[in-house]
């Protein structure tokens, strides 16, 4: 669904289940300040260029 509303707990659960363990650990290490909204935006493909670069560099699947 489009993210023109605040993500719910259900949205966050979906994101956390669908991400790989490696990417979750990597994100927590590099971006400890990220909140649920940031994770959902990343999952929706609205990430910044730097995040896309990191994803490509580590060949991580969300």
Protein backbone atom coordinates (compact mmCIF):
# COMPACT_ATOMS: atom_id res chain seq x y z
CA UNK A 1 0.00 0.00 0.00
CA UNK A 2 1.15 3.57 -0.58
CA UNK A 3 2.78 5.14 2.45
CA UNK A 4 0.75 8.33 2.73
CA UNK A 5 -0.30 7.27 6.21
CA UNK A 6 1.65 6.44 9.33
CA UNK A 7 2.73 2.77 9.29
CA UNK A 8 0.90 0.50 11.69
CA UNK A 9 2.31 -2.25 13.87
CA UNK A 10 1.02 -4.69 11.26
CA UNK A 11 3.05 -2.95 8.54
CA UNK A 12 6.18 -3.11 10.65
CA UNK A 13 5.67 -6.81 11.35
CA UNK A 14 5.41 -7.48 7.63
CA UNK A 15 8.63 -5.59 6.95
CA UNK A 16 10.57 -7.34 9.71
CA UNK A 17 9.39 -10.79 8.61
CA UNK A 18 10.23 -10.20 4.97
CA UNK A 19 13.74 -8.87 5.49
CA UNK A 20 16.69 -11.22 5.74
CA UNK A 21 18.46 -11.63 9.07
CA UNK A 22 21.68 -10.34 7.56
CA UNK A 23 20.09 -7.15 6.30
CA UNK A 24 18.34 -6.63 9.64
CA UNK A 25 21.62 -6.92 11.52
CA UNK A 26 23.41 -4.72 9.02
CA UNK A 27 20.72 -2.03 9.21
CA UNK A 28 20.73 -2.09 13.00
CA UNK A 29 24.50 -1.74 13.02
CA UNK A 30 24.76 1.13 10.54
CA UNK A 31 21.46 2.88 11.24
CA UNK A 32 20.67 2.33 14.95
CA UNK A 33 18.62 5.54 14.98
CA UNK A 34 16.17 4.35 12.32
CA UNK A 35 12.53 4.13 13.38
CA UNK A 36 9.71 1.96 12.07
CA UNK A 37 8.75 4.58 9.48
CA UNK A 38 12.24 4.55 8.00
CA UNK A 39 12.20 0.76 7.74
CA UNK A 40 8.82 0.78 6.02
CA UNK A 41 9.96 3.45 3.56
CA UNK A 42 13.07 1.39 2.81
CA UNK A 43 10.90 -1.67 2.22
CA UNK A 44 8.62 0.34 -0.09
CA UNK A 45 11.65 1.15 -2.25
CA UNK A 46 11.75 4.83 -1.29
CA UNK A 47 15.25 4.58 0.08
CA UNK A 48 18.01 7.11 -0.56
CA UNK A 49 20.74 6.62 -3.15
CA UNK A 50 23.19 5.65 -0.41
CA UNK A 51 20.92 2.90 0.86
CA UNK A 52 20.41 1.58 -2.66
CA UNK A 53 24.17 1.59 -3.13
CA UNK A 54 24.64 -0.39 0.10
CA UNK A 55 22.00 -2.90 -0.99
CA UNK A 56 23.72 -3.43 -4.33
CA UNK A 57 27.19 -3.61 -2.80
CA UNK A 58 26.23 -6.32 -0.32
CA UNK A 59 23.74 -7.98 -2.67
CA UNK A 60 21.11 -7.93 0.07
CA UNK A 61 17.52 -8.87 -0.59
CA UNK A 62 14.72 -7.11 1.28
